[in-house]
Structure formats: C-alpha cells, structure tokens
C-alpha atoms as a PDB file:
ATOM      1  CA  MET A   1      88.329 138.026 208.165  1.00  0.00           C
ATOM      2  CA  PHE A   2      85.287 138.545 205.920  1.00  0.00           C
ATOM      3  CA  LYS A   3      84.323 141.670 207.833  1.00  0.00           C
ATOM      4  CA  GLU A   4      87.745 143.150 207.124  1.00  0.00           C
ATOM      5  CA  MET A   5      87.437 142.323 203.433  1.00  0.00           C
ATOM      6  CA  ILE A   6      83.964 143.870 203.265  1.00  0.00           C
ATOM      7  CA  LYS A   7      85.275 147.011 204.972  1.00  0.00           C
ATOM      8  CA  LYS A   8      88.115 147.211 202.460  1.00  0.00           C
ATOM      9  CA  TRP A   9      85.664 146.771 199.564  1.00  0.00           C
ATOM     10  CA  LYS A  10      83.456 149.509 200.952  1.00  0.00           C
ATOM     11  CA  ASN A  11      86.421 151.847 201.032  1.00  0.00           C
ATOM     12  CA  ASP A  12      86.420 152.913 197.344  1.00  0.00           C
ATOM     13  CA  LYS A  13      89.493 155.114 197.716  1.00  0.00           C
ATOM     14  CA  GLN A  14      91.840 152.186 198.189  1.00  0.00           C
ATOM     15  CA  LYS A  15      93.872 151.104 195.135  1.00  0.00           C
ATOM     16  CA  PHE A  16      95.357 147.827 193.935  1.00  0.00           C
ATOM     17  CA  THR A  17      98.597 147.661 192.024  1.00  0.00           C
ATOM     18  CA  PHE A  18      99.210 144.901 189.496  1.00  0.00           C
ATOM     19  CA  MET A  19     102.792 144.459 188.407  1.00  0.00           C
ATOM     20  CA  ILE A  20     103.881 142.697 185.244  1.00  0.00           C
ATOM     21  CA  VAL A  21     107.402 141.338 185.614  1.00  0.00           C
ATOM     22  CA  PRO A  22     109.084 139.855 182.532  1.00  0.00           C
ATOM     23  CA  HIS A  23     111.301 136.774 182.837  1.00  0.00           C
ATOM     24  CA  LYS A  24     114.471 138.270 181.423  1.00  0.00           C
ATOM     25  CA  GLY A  25     115.305 141.714 182.677  1.00  0.00           C
ATOM     26  CA  GLY A  26     112.707 143.769 180.811  1.00  0.00           C
ATOM     27  CA  ILE A  27     110.815 146.790 182.009  1.00  0.00           C
ATOM     28  CA  ILE A  28     108.477 146.152 184.943  1.00  0.00           C
ATOM     29  CA  ASN A  29     105.020 147.514 184.260  1.00  0.00           C
ATOM     30  CA  SER A  30     102.659 148.406 187.039  1.00  0.00           C
ATOM     31  CA  LEU A  31      98.925 149.068 186.730  1.00  0.00           C
ATOM     32  CA  ASN A  32      96.933 150.849 189.423  1.00  0.00           C
ATOM     33  CA  PHE A  33      93.204 150.205 189.774  1.00  0.00           C
ATOM     34  CA  SER A  34      90.859 151.652 192.319  1.00  0.00           C
ATOM     35  CA  ILE A  35      88.394 149.368 194.048  1.00  0.00           C
ATOM     36  CA  LYS A  36      85.582 151.367 192.477  1.00  0.00           C
ATOM     37  CA  SER A  37      86.837 150.660 188.940  1.00  0.00           C
ATOM     38  CA  ILE A  38      87.281 146.953 189.770  1.00  0.00           C
ATOM     39  CA  LYS A  39      83.711 146.829 191.119  1.00  0.00           C
ATOM     40  CA  TYR A  40      82.377 148.440 187.934  1.00  0.00           C
ATOM     41  CA  PHE A  41      84.419 146.041 185.826  1.00  0.00           C
ATOM     42  CA  LEU A  42      83.065 143.009 187.704  1.00  0.00           C
ATOM     43  CA  ILE A  43      79.501 144.315 187.481  1.00  0.00           C
ATOM     44  CA  ALA A  44      79.958 144.900 183.731  1.00  0.00           C
ATOM     45  CA  CYS A  45      81.312 141.348 183.348  1.00  0.00           C
ATOM     46  CA  LEU A  46      78.333 139.898 185.235  1.00  0.00           C
ATOM     47  CA  ILE A  47      75.898 141.891 183.108  1.00  0.00           C
ATOM     48  CA  LEU A  48      77.683 140.736 179.955  1.00  0.00           C
ATOM     49  CA  ILE A  49      77.541 137.102 181.112  1.00  0.00           C
ATOM     50  CA  MET A  50      73.826 137.432 181.865  1.00  0.00           C
ATOM     51  CA  LEU A  51      73.198 138.977 178.437  1.00  0.00           C
ATOM     52  CA  CYS A  52      75.144 136.193 176.744  1.00  0.00           C
ATOM     53  CA  LEU A  53      73.194 133.545 178.649  1.00  0.00           C
ATOM     54  CA  GLY A  54      69.934 135.244 177.711  1.00  0.00           C
ATOM     55  CA  ALA A  55      70.961 135.450 174.056  1.00  0.00           C
ATOM     56  CA  PHE A  56      72.019 131.799 174.047  1.00  0.00           C
ATOM     57  CA  THR A  57      68.752 130.743 175.681  1.00  0.00           C
ATOM     58  CA  HIS A  58      66.768 132.728 173.122  1.00  0.00           C
ATOM     59  CA  TYR A  59      68.855 131.233 170.307  1.00  0.00           C
ATOM     60  CA  ARG A  60      68.153 127.682 171.523  1.00  0.00           C
ATOM     61  CA  TYR A  61      64.432 128.500 171.777  1.00  0.00           C
ATOM     62  CA  VAL A  62      64.371 129.841 168.217  1.00  0.00           C
ATOM     63  CA  VAL A  63      66.324 126.855 166.881  1.00  0.00           C
ATOM     64  CA  ASN A  64      64.054 124.348 168.638  1.00  0.00           C
ATOM     65  CA  LYS A  65      60.966 126.167 167.369  1.00  0.00           C
ATOM     66  CA  ALA A  66      62.358 126.230 163.819  1.00  0.00           C
ATOM     67  CA  ASN A  67      63.140 122.503 163.985  1.00  0.00           C
ATOM     68  CA  ALA A  68      59.629 121.740 165.206  1.00  0.00           C
ATOM     69  CA  GLU A  69      58.114 123.860 162.431  1.00  0.00           C
ATOM     70  CA  ARG A  70      60.368 122.186 159.850  1.00  0.00           C
ATOM     71  CA  ASP A  71      59.233 118.747 161.021  1.00  0.00           C
ATOM     72  CA  GLU A  72      55.594 119.837 160.928  1.00  0.00           C
ATOM     73  CA  LEU A  73      56.050 121.266 157.432  1.00  0.00           C
ATOM     74  CA  GLN A  74      57.626 118.041 156.270  1.00  0.00           C
ATOM     75  CA  GLN A  75      54.685 116.044 157.631  1.00  0.00           C
ATOM     76  CA  LEU A  76      52.257 118.429 155.960  1.00  0.00           C
ATOM     77  CA  ARG A  77      54.083 118.026 152.643  1.00  0.00           C
ATOM     78  CA  ILE A  78      53.822 114.249 152.920  1.00  0.00           C
ATOM     79  CA  ALA A  79      50.120 114.512 153.765  1.00  0.00           C
ATOM     80  CA  HIS A  80      49.614 116.921 150.851  1.00  0.00           C
ATOM     81  CA  GLN A  81      51.340 114.519 148.462  1.00  0.00           C
ATOM     82  CA  ILE A  82      49.095 111.672 149.647  1.00  0.00           C
ATOM     83  CA  ASP A  83      46.029 113.900 149.183  1.00  0.00           C
ATOM     84  CA  VAL A  84      47.142 114.857 145.649  1.00  0.00           C
ATOM     85  CA  GLU A  85      47.579 111.182 144.743  1.00  0.00           C
ATOM     86  CA  GLU A  86      44.150 110.316 146.173  1.00  0.00           C
ATOM     87  CA  MET A  87      42.568 113.207 144.287  1.00  0.00           C
ATOM     88  CA  ALA A  88      44.175 111.996 141.047  1.00  0.00           C
ATOM     89  CA  LYS A  89      42.748 108.519 141.655  1.00  0.00           C
ATOM     90  CA  LEU A  90      39.321 109.969 142.436  1.00  0.00           C
ATOM     91  CA  GLN A  91      39.468 112.138 139.317  1.00  0.00           C
ATOM     92  CA  GLN A  92      40.264 109.082 137.215  1.00  0.00           C
ATOM     93  CA  LEU A  93      37.415 107.182 138.863  1.00  0.00           C
ATOM     94  CA  THR A  94      35.067 110.119 138.204  1.00  0.00           C
ATOM     95  CA  LEU A  95      36.008 110.114 134.507  1.00  0.00           C
ATOM     96  CA  GLU A  96      35.400 106.370 134.305  1.00  0.00           C
ATOM     97  CA  LEU A  97      32.006 106.747 135.996  1.00  0.00           C
ATOM     98  CA  GLN A  98      31.045 109.623 133.679  1.00  0.00           C
ATOM     99  CA  ASN A  99      31.940 107.470 130.677  1.00  0.00           C
ATOM    100  CA  LYS A 100      29.799 104.627 132.025  1.00  0.00           C
ATOM    101  CA  ILE A 101      26.897 107.041 132.642  1.00  0.00           C
ATOM    102  CA  SER A 102      27.149 108.370 129.080  1.00  0.00           C
ATOM    103  CA  GLU A 103      27.196 104.767 127.765  1.00  0.00           C
ATOM    104  CA  LEU A 104      24.153 103.963 129.896  1.00  0.00           C
ATOM    105  CA  ASN A 105      22.406 107.087 128.596  1.00  0.00           C
ATOM    106  CA  LYS A 106      23.120 105.962 124.998  1.00  0.00           C
ATOM    107  CA  PHE A 107      21.896 102.481 125.818  1.00  0.00           C
ATOM    108  CA  ASP A 108      18.772 103.986 127.433  1.00  0.00           C
ATOM    109  CA  LYS A 109      18.069 106.016 124.261  1.00  0.00           C
ATOM    110  CA  GLN A 110      18.506 102.919 122.129  1.00  0.00           C
ATOM    111  CA  ILE A 111      16.084 100.977 124.318  1.00  0.00           C
ATOM    112  CA  LYS A 112      13.543 103.843 124.167  1.00  0.00           C
ATOM    113  CA  ASN A 113      13.899 103.969 120.381  1.00  0.00           C
ATOM    114  CA  ILE A 114      13.326 100.221 120.190  1.00  0.00           C
ATOM    115  CA  ILE A 115      10.300 100.394 122.482  1.00  0.00           C
ATOM    116  CA  GLY A 116       9.026 103.412 120.643  1.00  0.00           C
ATOM    117  CA  GLU A 117       8.825 106.024 123.300  1.00  0.00           C
END
C-alpha cells in the first residue's frame, strides 16, 4: 500500500482534482493541482512553520533576556540608592568630624597661648 503511494508521489505528472460543491444548486467549482505543485506547497508550509518556530524561539529568548536585565537593573538601582544614602551619612559624619577637629585646633591654640608657646 505504501509502495503504491510512494510510486504515485514520485509520478509528478499525475493531477488531483478538488471539487467544491455548494449545498443548494450552485455552480460546482473544480480545482486541478499537480502532485509537483502540492509537494512544493507542502515544502513551503513546512519551511514557513520552521521559520515561525525559530522566530518564536528567538522572541522568547529576547524576552527572557530583557526580563533578566530588567531585574538586574532594578537590583542595581536599589543598591545605588543604598550607597547614596550611606554616602550622605558619611558626608554628614565627615562634616561633624571636621567641625570637631577645627574646635580642637582652636582649643589647642588657646592652650598654647596660655602656656606661652
């Protein structure tokens, strides 16, 4: 059975006729297709399906990569905000320490003036 079908498919000169018959007495349309044209149509469909699958796979890859990069960027923004807050605290602490050092320098000058150096 399969051998006969393969032989028929190898014979490209054979034609298939598709008939469209309406329900209520309309004109009957018939379409003739050669096996060769049907083969090319099926091959084109398979290629199109493979291209669509490839495009979908690439799309999913790009979306997953974008989501991962978005998550990483969000984490980096949070870390940056924490660093900015810590730097503000350290800057405030630095100002306080500089004020204390200037007070100590004034106090040191006063002590030296009292001692007479």
